[in-house]
Amino acid sequence: MKINRPTLREIQEQFAESLFLGDINTNLFSTSPSLANSRFDFYRSNMHANYLASLKNAFPVIYLLVGQDFFVLFASNYVEKYPSQSGDLTVFGKLFSQYLSEEEQVLNYPYFSDVAAIEWLAHLTYYAADSATLSLSDYLQHTCDSVQQTYL
């Protein structure tokens, strides 16, 4: 008799669904439902803390402008409205500026979304791959006719 078991992908999808929607599929765990729930809550709390830390890292000026309590509220709402689409948390805040431009609680502060947009560009720049550098010898080789007029 063949046992019908879920595939790894199905298990991962059920796990992610339980993580984000809060309805835990206790069939995923070999422990009691109450123990599975408490462990899953711990996992969910850690995930939420990582999202908040990621946003605080990407938007330090917004954090300073609104304060910790308000930022945590914004970040928590952002996590719900725009769940991460990547395992890379450095790209998680991509839509934070848009979120702030739509958030009713800060409509009187329209510059918040502009500040967030600038911070996002600085964040992307910081994490961007380094570009190839031009050595002095390569530079001089390409500008040998005008070395006397070169300023560094």
Protein backbone atom coordinates (compact mmCIF):
# COMPACT_ATOMS: atom_id res chain seq x y z
CA MET A 1 0.00 0.00 0.00
CA LYS A 2 1.39 3.37 -1.08
CA ILE A 3 1.26 6.18 1.50
CA ASN A 4 0.22 9.49 0.01
CA ARG A 5 2.68 12.02 1.45
CA PRO A 6 2.93 15.70 0.57
CA THR A 7 5.90 16.84 -1.49
CA LEU A 8 8.55 19.09 -0.02
CA ARG A 9 7.12 22.02 -1.98
CA GLU A 10 3.64 21.37 -0.56
CA ILE A 11 5.04 21.22 2.96
CA GLN A 12 6.94 24.49 2.42
CA GLU A 13 3.83 26.18 1.03
CA GLN A 14 1.73 25.01 3.98
CA PHE A 15 4.42 26.19 6.39
CA ALA A 16 4.62 29.64 4.77
CA GLU A 17 0.84 29.94 4.70
CA SER A 18 0.67 29.06 8.38
CA LEU A 19 3.42 31.54 9.13
CA PHE A 20 1.77 34.48 7.39
CA LEU A 21 -1.91 33.75 7.83
CA GLY A 22 -1.73 32.51 11.40
CA ASP A 23 -3.74 29.33 10.83
CA ILE A 24 -1.31 26.62 11.77
CA ASN A 25 -1.63 23.30 9.99
CA THR A 26 -0.82 21.05 12.94
CA ASN A 27 -0.46 18.09 10.57
CA LEU A 28 2.95 19.51 9.68
CA PHE A 29 4.23 18.75 13.17
CA SER A 30 4.69 15.56 15.10
CA THR A 31 4.03 17.27 18.45
CA SER A 32 0.80 18.22 20.16
CA PRO A 33 -1.14 21.13 18.62
CA SER A 34 -0.54 23.36 21.64
CA LEU A 35 3.22 22.76 21.56
CA ALA A 36 3.26 23.29 17.78
CA ASN A 37 1.37 26.57 18.24
CA SER A 38 3.75 27.89 20.91
CA ARG A 39 6.81 26.97 18.81
CA PHE A 40 5.28 28.50 15.74
CA ASP A 41 4.49 31.71 17.65
CA PHE A 42 8.15 31.91 18.64
CA TYR A 43 9.20 31.46 15.01
CA ARG A 44 6.67 34.07 13.85
CA SER A 45 7.90 36.57 16.48
CA ASN A 46 11.49 36.14 15.32
CA MET A 47 10.47 36.62 11.71
CA HIS A 48 8.55 39.79 12.59
CA ALA A 49 11.53 41.13 14.58
CA ASN A 50 13.80 40.51 11.58
CA TYR A 51 11.43 42.42 9.30
CA LEU A 52 11.29 45.34 11.73
CA ALA A 53 15.09 45.40 12.08
CA SER A 54 15.46 45.32 8.31
CA LEU A 55 13.15 48.30 7.87
CA LYS A 56 14.81 50.22 10.71
CA ASN A 57 18.18 49.60 9.04
CA ALA A 58 16.93 50.83 5.66
CA PHE A 59 14.98 53.84 6.99
CA PRO A 60 16.86 55.31 9.98
CA VAL A 61 15.71 58.88 9.31
CA ILE A 62 12.05 57.89 9.17
CA TYR A 63 12.64 56.01 12.42
CA LEU A 64 14.03 59.16 14.02
CA LEU A 65 11.24 61.35 12.63
CA VAL A 66 8.35 59.23 13.91
CA GLY A 67 9.89 57.54 16.96
CA GLN A 68 10.07 53.89 17.92
CA ASP A 69 6.40 53.25 18.76
CA PHE A 70 5.06 54.84 15.61
CA PHE A 71 7.74 53.18 13.47
CA VAL A 72 6.90 49.74 14.88
CA LEU A 73 3.23 50.40 14.06
CA PHE A 74 4.10 51.46 10.50
CA ALA A 75 6.50 48.57 9.99
CA SER A 76 3.98 46.04 11.31
CA ASN A 77 1.30 47.37 8.97
CA TYR A 78 3.78 47.36 6.09
CA VAL A 79 4.66 43.71 6.78
CA GLU A 80 0.97 42.81 6.54
CA LYS A 81 0.28 44.88 3.43
CA TYR A 82 3.50 44.05 1.56
CA PRO A 83 4.81 40.65 2.67
CA SER A 84 8.34 39.84 1.62
CA GLN A 85 8.68 38.30 -1.82
CA SER A 86 12.32 37.38 -1.35
CA GLY A 87 14.54 35.65 1.14
CA ASP A 88 16.83 38.68 0.97
CA LEU A 89 15.74 41.18 3.61
CA THR A 90 17.81 43.96 2.05
CA VAL A 91 15.12 44.29 -0.64
CA PHE A 92 12.18 44.11 1.76
CA GLY A 93 11.53 47.86 2.07
CA LYS A 94 11.20 48.48 -1.66
CA LEU A 95 7.59 49.71 -1.35
CA PHE A 96 7.90 51.49 2.01
CA SER A 97 7.91 54.94 0.41
CA GLN A 98 4.74 54.08 -1.50
CA TYR A 99 3.19 52.72 1.69
CA LEU A 100 3.94 55.98 3.53
CA SER A 101 2.42 58.03 0.71
CA GLU A 102 -0.83 56.07 1.11
CA GLU A 103 -0.88 55.81 4.92
CA GLU A 104 -3.70 57.95 6.33
CA GLN A 105 -1.95 58.57 9.64
CA VAL A 106 0.83 60.55 7.94
CA LEU A 107 -1.03 62.35 5.16
CA ASN A 108 -0.17 65.63 6.91
CA TYR A 109 3.50 64.76 6.46
CA PRO A 110 3.83 64.15 2.71
CA TYR A 111 7.60 64.53 2.88
CA PHE A 112 7.86 61.23 4.79
CA SER A 113 7.47 59.27 1.57
CA ASP A 114 10.10 61.46 -0.13
CA VAL A 115 12.53 60.93 2.74
CA ALA A 116 11.88 57.19 2.57
CA ALA A 117 12.49 57.21 -1.20
CA ILE A 118 15.86 58.90 -0.71
CA GLU A 119 16.74 56.51 2.09
CA TRP A 120 15.81 53.56 -0.12
CA LEU A 121 18.18 54.76 -2.84
CA ALA A 122 20.98 55.17 -0.29
CA HIS A 123 20.19 51.68 1.04
CA LEU A 124 20.36 50.17 -2.46
CA THR A 125 23.61 51.99 -3.14
CA TYR A 126 25.16 50.68 0.05
CA TYR A 127 24.28 47.07 -0.79
CA ALA A 128 25.04 47.30 -4.51
CA ALA A 129 27.86 45.23 -5.90
CA ASP A 130 31.16 47.02 -6.20
CA SER A 131 32.00 48.13 -9.70
CA ALA A 132 35.35 47.53 -11.32
CA THR A 133 37.88 50.23 -10.53
CA LEU A 134 40.23 51.87 -12.96
CA SER A 135 43.86 51.62 -11.95
CA LEU A 136 46.18 54.57 -12.41
CA SER A 137 48.23 52.71 -15.01
CA ASP A 138 45.09 51.86 -17.03
CA TYR A 139 43.94 55.46 -16.80
CA LEU A 140 47.30 56.80 -17.96
CA GLN A 141 47.40 54.29 -20.81
CA HIS A 142 44.09 55.63 -22.16
CA THR A 143 44.98 59.28 -21.64
CA CYS A 144 48.69 59.26 -22.54
CA ASP A 145 48.32 62.24 -24.91
CA SER A 146 46.79 64.48 -22.28
CA VAL A 147 48.68 63.47 -19.14
CA GLN A 148 49.94 67.01 -18.64
CA GLN A 149 46.32 68.25 -18.48
CA THR A 150 45.09 65.51 -16.17
CA TYR A 151 43.85 66.36 -12.70
CA LEU A 152 43.13 63.71 -10.12
